[in-house]
Amino acid sequence: MNLVVVIGVVLVVAGMLGILAVVLRGSVSTRDHLTVAEIQARLAGERPLAADDPRRTVSVVVRRHADS
Protein backbone atom coordinates (compact mmCIF):
# COMPACT_ATOMS: atom_id res chain seq x y z
CA MET A 1 0.00 0.00 0.00
CA ASN A 2 1.01 3.53 -0.51
CA LEU A 3 2.57 5.25 2.53
CA VAL A 4 0.11 8.17 2.29
CA VAL A 5 -2.85 5.77 2.43
CA VAL A 6 -1.42 3.99 5.48
CA ILE A 7 -0.88 7.29 7.30
CA GLY A 8 -4.40 8.41 6.38
CA VAL A 9 -5.96 5.20 7.67
CA VAL A 10 -3.99 5.44 10.91
CA LEU A 11 -5.14 9.04 11.42
CA VAL A 12 -8.79 8.18 10.72
CA VAL A 13 -8.71 5.23 13.12
CA ALA A 14 -7.00 7.33 15.81
CA GLY A 15 -9.61 10.06 15.38
CA MET A 16 -12.48 7.62 15.65
CA LEU A 17 -10.99 6.06 18.77
CA GLY A 18 -10.56 9.53 20.26
CA ILE A 19 -14.18 10.42 19.58
CA LEU A 20 -15.34 7.11 21.03
CA ALA A 21 -13.28 7.66 24.18
CA VAL A 22 -14.72 11.15 24.68
CA VAL A 23 -18.28 9.93 24.19
CA LEU A 24 -17.87 7.01 26.57
CA ARG A 25 -16.06 9.09 29.19
CA GLY A 26 -18.73 11.79 29.03
CA SER A 27 -21.56 9.34 29.53
CA VAL A 28 -20.13 7.61 32.60
CA SER A 29 -18.52 10.57 34.36
CA THR A 30 -19.86 11.89 37.64
CA ARG A 31 -21.91 15.04 37.66
CA ASP A 32 -19.86 18.09 38.63
CA HIS A 33 -22.65 20.61 38.17
CA LEU A 34 -25.95 21.55 39.75
CA THR A 35 -29.20 21.48 37.86
CA VAL A 36 -31.65 24.37 37.97
CA ALA A 37 -34.05 22.26 40.03
CA GLU A 38 -31.34 21.56 42.63
CA ILE A 39 -30.47 25.24 42.92
CA GLN A 40 -34.14 26.19 43.29
CA ALA A 41 -34.61 23.55 45.99
CA ARG A 42 -31.61 24.90 47.91
CA LEU A 43 -32.84 28.47 47.64
CA ALA A 44 -36.35 27.49 48.76
CA GLY A 45 -34.95 26.04 51.98
CA GLU A 46 -33.00 29.16 52.94
CA ARG A 47 -34.32 31.78 55.33
CA PRO A 48 -33.96 35.43 54.34
CA LEU A 49 -31.59 37.44 56.51
CA ALA A 50 -32.91 40.14 58.83
CA ALA A 51 -32.32 43.75 57.81
CA ASP A 52 -29.88 44.32 60.68
CA ASP A 53 -27.91 41.13 60.17
CA PRO A 54 -24.25 42.00 59.47
CA ARG A 55 -23.95 39.14 56.95
CA ARG A 56 -26.45 40.95 54.73
CA THR A 57 -24.19 43.90 54.03
CA VAL A 58 -21.13 43.82 51.84
CA SER A 59 -18.16 45.78 53.03
CA VAL A 60 -15.60 47.20 50.67
CA VAL A 61 -12.09 47.91 51.84
CA VAL A 62 -10.44 50.87 50.17
CA ARG A 63 -6.76 51.43 50.66
CA ARG A 64 -5.26 54.82 50.03
CA HIS A 65 -1.64 55.05 49.14
CA ALA A 66 0.28 57.89 50.72
CA ASP A 67 1.51 60.41 48.22
CA SER A 68 5.29 60.41 47.94
PDB file of N, CA and C in Angstrom:
ATOM      1  N   MET A   1       0.839  -1.187   0.000  1.00  0.00           N
ATOM      2  CA  MET A   1       0.000   0.000   0.000  1.00  0.00           C
ATOM      3  C   MET A   1       0.878   1.241   0.000  1.00  0.00           C
ATOM      4  N   ASN A   2       0.311   2.262  -0.462  1.00  0.00           N
ATOM      5  CA  ASN A   2       1.008   3.534  -0.512  1.00  0.00           C
ATOM      6  C   ASN A   2       1.167   4.083   0.919  1.00  0.00           C
ATOM      7  N   LEU A   3       2.290   4.713   1.193  1.00  0.00           N
ATOM      8  CA  LEU A   3       2.568   5.249   2.530  1.00  0.00           C
ATOM      9  C   LEU A   3       1.546   6.310   2.932  1.00  0.00           C
ATOM     10  N   VAL A   4       1.095   7.121   1.995  1.00  0.00           N
ATOM     11  CA  VAL A   4       0.112   8.165   2.290  1.00  0.00           C
ATOM     12  C   VAL A   4      -1.217   7.543   2.713  1.00  0.00           C
ATOM     13  N   VAL A   5      -1.603   6.454   2.085  1.00  0.00           N
ATOM     14  CA  VAL A   5      -2.847   5.771   2.435  1.00  0.00           C
ATOM     15  C   VAL A   5      -2.744   5.184   3.836  1.00  0.00           C
ATOM     16  N   VAL A   6      -1.618   4.576   4.154  1.00  0.00           N
ATOM     17  CA  VAL A   6      -1.418   3.988   5.482  1.00  0.00           C
ATOM     18  C   VAL A   6      -1.499   5.071   6.550  1.00  0.00           C
ATOM     19  N   ILE A   7      -0.844   6.188   6.320  1.00  0.00           N
ATOM     20  CA  ILE A   7      -0.876   7.287   7.297  1.00  0.00           C
ATOM     21  C   ILE A   7      -2.299   7.830   7.434  1.00  0.00           C
ATOM     22  N   GLY A   8      -3.015   7.936   6.342  1.00  0.00           N
ATOM     23  CA  GLY A   8      -4.398   8.411   6.376  1.00  0.00           C
ATOM     24  C   GLY A   8      -5.301   7.485   7.164  1.00  0.00           C
ATOM     25  N   VAL A   9      -5.145   6.186   6.939  1.00  0.00           N
ATOM     26  CA  VAL A   9      -5.961   5.203   7.667  1.00  0.00           C
ATOM     27  C   VAL A   9      -5.645   5.257   9.155  1.00  0.00           C
ATOM     28  N   VAL A  10      -4.382   5.362   9.493  1.00  0.00           N
ATOM     29  CA  VAL A  10      -3.995   5.438  10.908  1.00  0.00           C
ATOM     30  C   VAL A  10      -4.602   6.679  11.558  1.00  0.00           C
ATOM     31  N   LEU A  11      -4.569   7.811  10.864  1.00  0.00           N
ATOM     32  CA  LEU A  11      -5.136   9.036  11.419  1.00  0.00           C
ATOM     33  C   LEU A  11      -6.651   8.941  11.584  1.00  0.00           C
ATOM     34  N   VAL A  12      -7.334   8.344  10.624  1.00  0.00           N
ATOM     35  CA  VAL A  12      -8.789   8.183  10.722  1.00  0.00           C
ATOM     36  C   VAL A  12      -9.144   7.268  11.882  1.00  0.00           C
ATOM     37  N   VAL A  13      -8.440   6.157  12.026  1.00  0.00           N
ATOM     38  CA  VAL A  13      -8.708   5.225  13.123  1.00  0.00           C
ATOM     39  C   VAL A  13      -8.424   5.900  14.462  1.00  0.00           C
ATOM     40  N   ALA A  14      -7.327   6.641  14.562  1.00  0.00           N
ATOM     41  CA  ALA A  14      -6.999   7.331  15.810  1.00  0.00           C
ATOM     42  C   ALA A  14      -8.069   8.370  16.143  1.00  0.00           C
ATOM     43  N   GLY A  15      -8.549   9.086  15.158  1.00  0.00           N
ATOM     44  CA  GLY A  15      -9.609  10.065  15.377  1.00  0.00           C
ATOM     45  C   GLY A  15     -10.897   9.426  15.846  1.00  0.00           C
ATOM     46  N   MET A  16     -11.257   8.310  15.240  1.00  0.00           N
ATOM     47  CA  MET A  16     -12.479   7.618  15.647  1.00  0.00           C
ATOM     48  C   MET A  16     -12.363   7.063  17.061  1.00  0.00           C
ATOM     49  N   LEU A  17     -11.192   6.541  17.405  1.00  0.00           N
ATOM     50  CA  LEU A  17     -10.991   6.056  18.767  1.00  0.00           C
ATOM     51  C   LEU A  17     -11.026   7.208  19.776  1.00  0.00           C
ATOM     52  N   GLY A  18     -10.504   8.357  19.388  1.00  0.00           N
ATOM     53  CA  GLY A  18     -10.560   9.525  20.259  1.00  0.00           C
ATOM     54  C   GLY A  18     -11.985   9.986  20.498  1.00  0.00           C
ATOM     55  N   ILE A  19     -12.771  10.031  19.444  1.00  0.00           N
ATOM     56  CA  ILE A  19     -14.175  10.423  19.581  1.00  0.00           C
ATOM     57  C   ILE A  19     -14.933   9.420  20.438  1.00  0.00           C
ATOM     58  N   LEU A  20     -14.688   8.150  20.228  1.00  0.00           N
ATOM     59  CA  LEU A  20     -15.338   7.113  21.026  1.00  0.00           C
ATOM     60  C   LEU A  20     -14.973   7.233  22.498  1.00  0.00           C
ATOM     61  N   ALA A  21     -13.709   7.514  22.784  1.00  0.00           N
ATOM     62  CA  ALA A  21     -13.276   7.660  24.176  1.00  0.00           C
ATOM     63  C   ALA A  21     -13.940   8.858  24.842  1.00  0.00           C
ATOM     64  N   VAL A  22     -14.072   9.966  24.112  1.00  0.00           N
ATOM     65  CA  VAL A  22     -14.717  11.153  24.676  1.00  0.00           C
ATOM     66  C   VAL A  22     -16.190  10.885  24.934  1.00  0.00           C
ATOM     67  N   VAL A  23     -16.859  10.218  24.026  1.00  0.00           N
ATOM     68  CA  VAL A  23     -18.282   9.930  24.193  1.00  0.00           C
ATOM     69  C   VAL A  23     -18.500   8.996  25.378  1.00  0.00           C
ATOM     70  N   LEU A  24     -17.700   7.950  25.464  1.00  0.00           N
ATOM     71  CA  LEU A  24     -17.871   7.008  26.570  1.00  0.00           C
ATOM     72  C   LEU A  24     -17.505   7.636  27.906  1.00  0.00           C
ATOM     73  N   ARG A  25     -16.462   8.434  27.942  1.00  0.00           N
ATOM     74  CA  ARG A  25     -16.063   9.088  29.191  1.00  0.00           C
ATOM     75  C   ARG A  25     -17.105  10.109  29.635  1.00  0.00           C
ATOM     76  N   GLY A  26     -17.705  10.801  28.687  1.00  0.00           N
ATOM     77  CA  GLY A  26     -18.725  11.787  29.027  1.00  0.00           C
ATOM     78  C   GLY A  26     -19.993  11.161  29.544  1.00  0.00           C
ATOM     79  N   SER A  27     -20.316   9.970  29.108  1.00  0.00           N
ATOM     80  CA  SER A  27     -21.561   9.342  29.528  1.00  0.00           C
ATOM     81  C   SER A  27     -21.454   8.655  30.885  1.00  0.00           C
ATOM     82  N   VAL A  28     -20.265   8.306  31.320  1.00  0.00           N
ATOM     83  CA  VAL A  28     -20.128   7.613  32.604  1.00  0.00           C
ATOM     84  C   VAL A  28     -19.488   8.478  33.681  1.00  0.00           C
ATOM     85  N   SER A  29     -19.180   9.735  33.367  1.00  0.00           N
ATOM     86  CA  SER A  29     -18.520  10.574  34.361  1.00  0.00           C
ATOM     87  C   SER A  29     -19.522  11.031  35.414  1.00  0.00           C
ATOM     88  N   THR A  30     -19.003  11.402  36.571  1.00  0.00           N
ATOM     89  CA  THR A  30     -19.857  11.893  37.643  1.00  0.00           C
ATOM     90  C   THR A  30     -20.269  13.322  37.349  1.00  0.00           C
ATOM     91  N   ARG A  31     -21.413  13.692  37.884  1.00  0.00           N
ATOM     92  CA  ARG A  31     -21.910  15.045  37.656  1.00  0.00           C
ATOM     93  C   ARG A  31     -21.143  16.025  38.519  1.00  0.00           C
ATOM     94  N   ASP A  32     -20.588  17.055  37.913  1.00  0.00           N
ATOM     95  CA  ASP A  32     -19.858  18.087  38.632  1.00  0.00           C
ATOM     96  C   ASP A  32     -20.634  19.393  38.660  1.00  0.00           C
ATOM     97  N   HIS A  33     -21.887  19.373  38.257  1.00  0.00           N
ATOM     98  CA  HIS A  33     -22.647  20.607  38.173  1.00  0.00           C
ATOM     99  C   HIS A  33     -24.003  20.442  38.855  1.00  0.00           C
ATOM    100  N   LEU A  34     -24.626  21.558  39.163  1.00  0.00           N
ATOM    101  CA  LEU A  34     -25.954  21.552  39.749  1.00  0.00           C
ATOM    102  C   LEU A  34     -26.983  21.823  38.662  1.00  0.00           C
ATOM    103  N   THR A  35     -28.121  21.188  38.786  1.00  0.00           N
ATOM    104  CA  THR A  35     -29.204  21.481  37.864  1.00  0.00           C
ATOM    105  C   THR A  35     -30.005  22.664  38.402  1.00  0.00           C
ATOM    106  N   VAL A  36     -30.822  23.247  37.558  1.00  0.00           N
ATOM    107  CA  VAL A  36     -31.649  24.373  37.971  1.00  0.00           C
ATOM    108  C   VAL A  36     -32.593  23.941  39.094  1.00  0.00           C
ATOM    109  N   ALA A  37     -33.131  22.750  39.000  1.00  0.00           N
ATOM    110  CA  ALA A  37     -34.048  22.264  40.032  1.00  0.00           C
ATOM    111  C   ALA A  37     -33.340  22.131  41.385  1.00  0.00           C
ATOM    112  N   GLU A  38     -32.091  21.675  41.384  1.00  0.00           N
ATOM    113  CA  GLU A  38     -31.344  21.558  42.635  1.00  0.00           C
ATOM    114  C   GLU A  38     -31.058  22.925  43.246  1.00  0.00           C
ATOM    115  N   ILE A  39     -30.723  23.898  42.418  1.00  0.00           N
ATOM    116  CA  ILE A  39     -30.469  25.245  42.922  1.00  0.00           C
ATOM    117  C   ILE A  39     -31.754  25.845  43.482  1.00  0.00           C
ATOM    118  N   GLN A  40     -32.869  25.663  42.795  1.00  0.00           N
ATOM    119  CA  GLN A  40     -34.140  26.189  43.288  1.00  0.00           C
ATOM    120  C   GLN A  40     -34.541  25.531  44.597  1.00  0.00           C
ATOM    121  N   ALA A  41     -34.289  24.239  44.740  1.00  0.00           N
ATOM    122  CA  ALA A  41     -34.610  23.553  45.987  1.00  0.00           C
ATOM    123  C   ALA A  41     -33.751  24.071  47.137  1.00  0.00           C
ATOM    124  N   ARG A  42     -32.481  24.350  46.866  1.00  0.00           N
ATOM    125  CA  ARG A  42     -31.615  24.899  47.910  1.00  0.00           C
ATOM    126  C   ARG A  42     -32.072  26.293  48.319  1.00  0.00           C
ATOM    127  N   LEU A  43     -32.413  27.109  47.337  1.00  0.00           N
ATOM    128  CA  LEU A  43     -32.843  28.472  47.640  1.00  0.00           C
ATOM    129  C   LEU A  43     -34.173  28.489  48.377  1.00  0.00           C
ATOM    130  N   ALA A  44     -35.052  27.546  48.088  1.00  0.00           N
ATOM    131  CA  ALA A  44     -36.352  27.494  48.760  1.00  0.00           C
ATOM    132  C   ALA A  44     -36.191  27.156  50.239  1.00  0.00           C
ATOM    133  N   GLY A  45     -35.151  26.426  50.588  1.00  0.00           N
ATOM    134  CA  GLY A  45     -34.947  26.035  51.978  1.00  0.00           C
ATOM    135  C   GLY A  45     -34.218  27.075  52.811  1.00  0.00           C
ATOM    136  N   GLU A  46     -33.735  28.148  52.193  1.00  0.00           N
ATOM    137  CA  GLU A  46     -32.997  29.163  52.942  1.00  0.00           C
ATOM    138  C   GLU A  46     -33.946  30.190  53.537  1.00  0.00           C
ATOM    139  N   ARG A  47     -33.556  30.709  54.705  1.00  0.00           N
ATOM    140  CA  ARG A  47     -34.319  31.780  55.331  1.00  0.00           C
ATOM    141  C   ARG A  47     -33.704  33.112  54.911  1.00  0.00           C
ATOM    142  N   PRO A  48     -34.534  34.111  54.647  1.00  0.00           N
ATOM    143  CA  PRO A  48     -33.962  35.427  54.339  1.00  0.00           C
ATOM    144  C   PRO A  48     -33.319  36.038  55.582  1.00  0.00           C
ATOM    145  N   LEU A  49     -32.277  36.808  55.396  1.00  0.00           N
ATOM    146  CA  LEU A  49     -31.590  37.444  56.509  1.00  0.00           C
ATOM    147  C   LEU A  49     -32.361  38.670  56.977  1.00  0.00           C
ATOM    148  N   ALA A  50     -32.273  38.949  58.269  1.00  0.00           N
ATOM    149  CA  ALA A  50     -32.912  40.136  58.825  1.00  0.00           C
ATOM    150  C   ALA A  50     -32.194  41.381  58.303  1.00  0.00           C
ATOM    151  N   ALA A  51     -32.886  42.517  58.350  1.00  0.00           N
ATOM    152  CA  ALA A  51     -32.325  43.754  57.815  1.00  0.00           C
ATOM    153  C   ALA A  51     -31.093  44.201  58.584  1.00  0.00           C
ATOM    154  N   ASP A  52     -31.016  43.880  59.864  1.00  0.00           N
ATOM    155  CA  ASP A  52     -29.883  44.324  60.678  1.00  0.00           C
ATOM    156  C   ASP A  52     -28.794  43.260  60.806  1.00  0.00           C
ATOM    157  N   ASP A  53     -28.919  42.183  60.107  1.00  0.00           N
ATOM    158  CA  ASP A  53     -27.913  41.126  60.169  1.00  0.00           C
ATOM    159  C   ASP A  53     -26.641  41.583  59.459  1.00  0.00           C
ATOM    160  N   PRO A  54     -25.481  41.520  60.107  1.00  0.00           N
ATOM    161  CA  PRO A  54     -24.253  42.002  59.470  1.00  0.00           C
ATOM    162  C   PRO A  54     -23.831  41.176  58.251  1.00  0.00           C
ATOM    163  N   ARG A  55     -24.293  39.957  58.122  1.00  0.00           N
ATOM    164  CA  ARG A  55     -23.949  39.143  56.954  1.00  0.00           C
ATOM    165  C   ARG A  55     -24.658  39.632  55.698  1.00  0.00           C
ATOM    166  N   ARG A  56     -25.684  40.451  55.872  1.00  0.00           N
ATOM    167  CA  ARG A  56     -26.452  40.949  54.734  1.00  0.00           C
ATOM    168  C   ARG A  56     -25.702  42.043  53.972  1.00  0.00           C
ATOM    169  N   THR A  57     -24.893  42.789  54.667  1.00  0.00           N
ATOM    170  CA  THR A  57     -24.191  43.900  54.026  1.00  0.00           C
ATOM    171  C   THR A  57     -22.863  43.435  53.460  1.00  0.00           C
ATOM    172  N   VAL A  58     -22.416  44.112  52.458  1.00  0.00           N
ATOM    173  CA  VAL A  58     -21.132  43.818  51.841  1.00  0.00           C
ATOM    174  C   VAL A  58     -20.221  44.991  52.144  1.00  0.00           C
ATOM    175  N   SER A  59     -19.088  44.698  52.724  1.00  0.00           N
ATOM    176  CA  SER A  59     -18.160  45.780  53.030  1.00  0.00           C
ATOM    177  C   SER A  59     -17.062  45.809  51.987  1.00  0.00           C
ATOM    178  N   VAL A  60     -16.653  47.008  51.656  1.00  0.00           N
ATOM    179  CA  VAL A  60     -15.599  47.203  50.674  1.00  0.00           C
ATOM    180  C   VAL A  60     -14.441  47.902  51.373  1.00  0.00           C
ATOM    181  N   VAL A  61     -13.279  47.327  51.232  1.00  0.00           N
ATOM    182  CA  VAL A  61     -12.089  47.912  51.839  1.00  0.00           C
ATOM    183  C   VAL A  61     -11.370  48.726  50.777  1.00  0.00           C
ATOM    184  N   VAL A  62     -11.140  49.992  51.093  1.00  0.00           N
ATOM    185  CA  VAL A  62     -10.439  50.871  50.168  1.00  0.00           C
ATOM    186  C   VAL A  62      -9.140  51.279  50.829  1.00  0.00           C
ATOM    187  N   ARG A  63      -8.048  51.040  50.145  1.00  0.00           N
ATOM    188  CA  ARG A  63      -6.756  51.431  50.664  1.00  0.00           C
ATOM    189  C   ARG A  63      -6.281  52.655  49.911  1.00  0.00           C
ATOM    190  N   ARG A  64      -5.807  53.623  50.657  1.00  0.00           N
ATOM    191  CA  ARG A  64      -5.265  54.824  50.035  1.00  0.00           C
ATOM    192  C   ARG A  64      -3.760  54.789  50.199  1.00  0.00           C
ATOM    193  N   HIS A  65      -3.103  55.000  49.102  1.00  0.00           N
ATOM    194  CA  HIS A  65      -1.641  55.047  49.137  1.00  0.00           C
ATOM    195  C   HIS A  65      -1.210  56.469  49.465  1.00  0.00           C
ATOM    196  N   ALA A  66      -0.244  56.562  50.359  1.00  0.00           N
ATOM    197  CA  ALA A  66       0.283  57.887  50.725  1.00  0.00           C
ATOM    198  C   ALA A  66       1.039  58.465  49.545  1.00  0.00           C
ATOM    199  N   ASP A  67       0.797  59.731  49.316  1.00  0.00           N
ATOM    200  CA  ASP A  67       1.512  60.412  48.216  1.00  0.00           C
ATOM    201  C   ASP A  67       2.972  60.563  48.591  1.00  0.00           C
ATOM    202  N   SER A  68       3.849  60.320  47.669  1.00  0.00           N
ATOM    203  CA  SER A  68       5.294  60.410  47.942  1.00  0.00           C
ATOM    204  C   SER A  68       5.784  61.825  47.796  1.00  0.00           C
TER     205      SER A  68
END
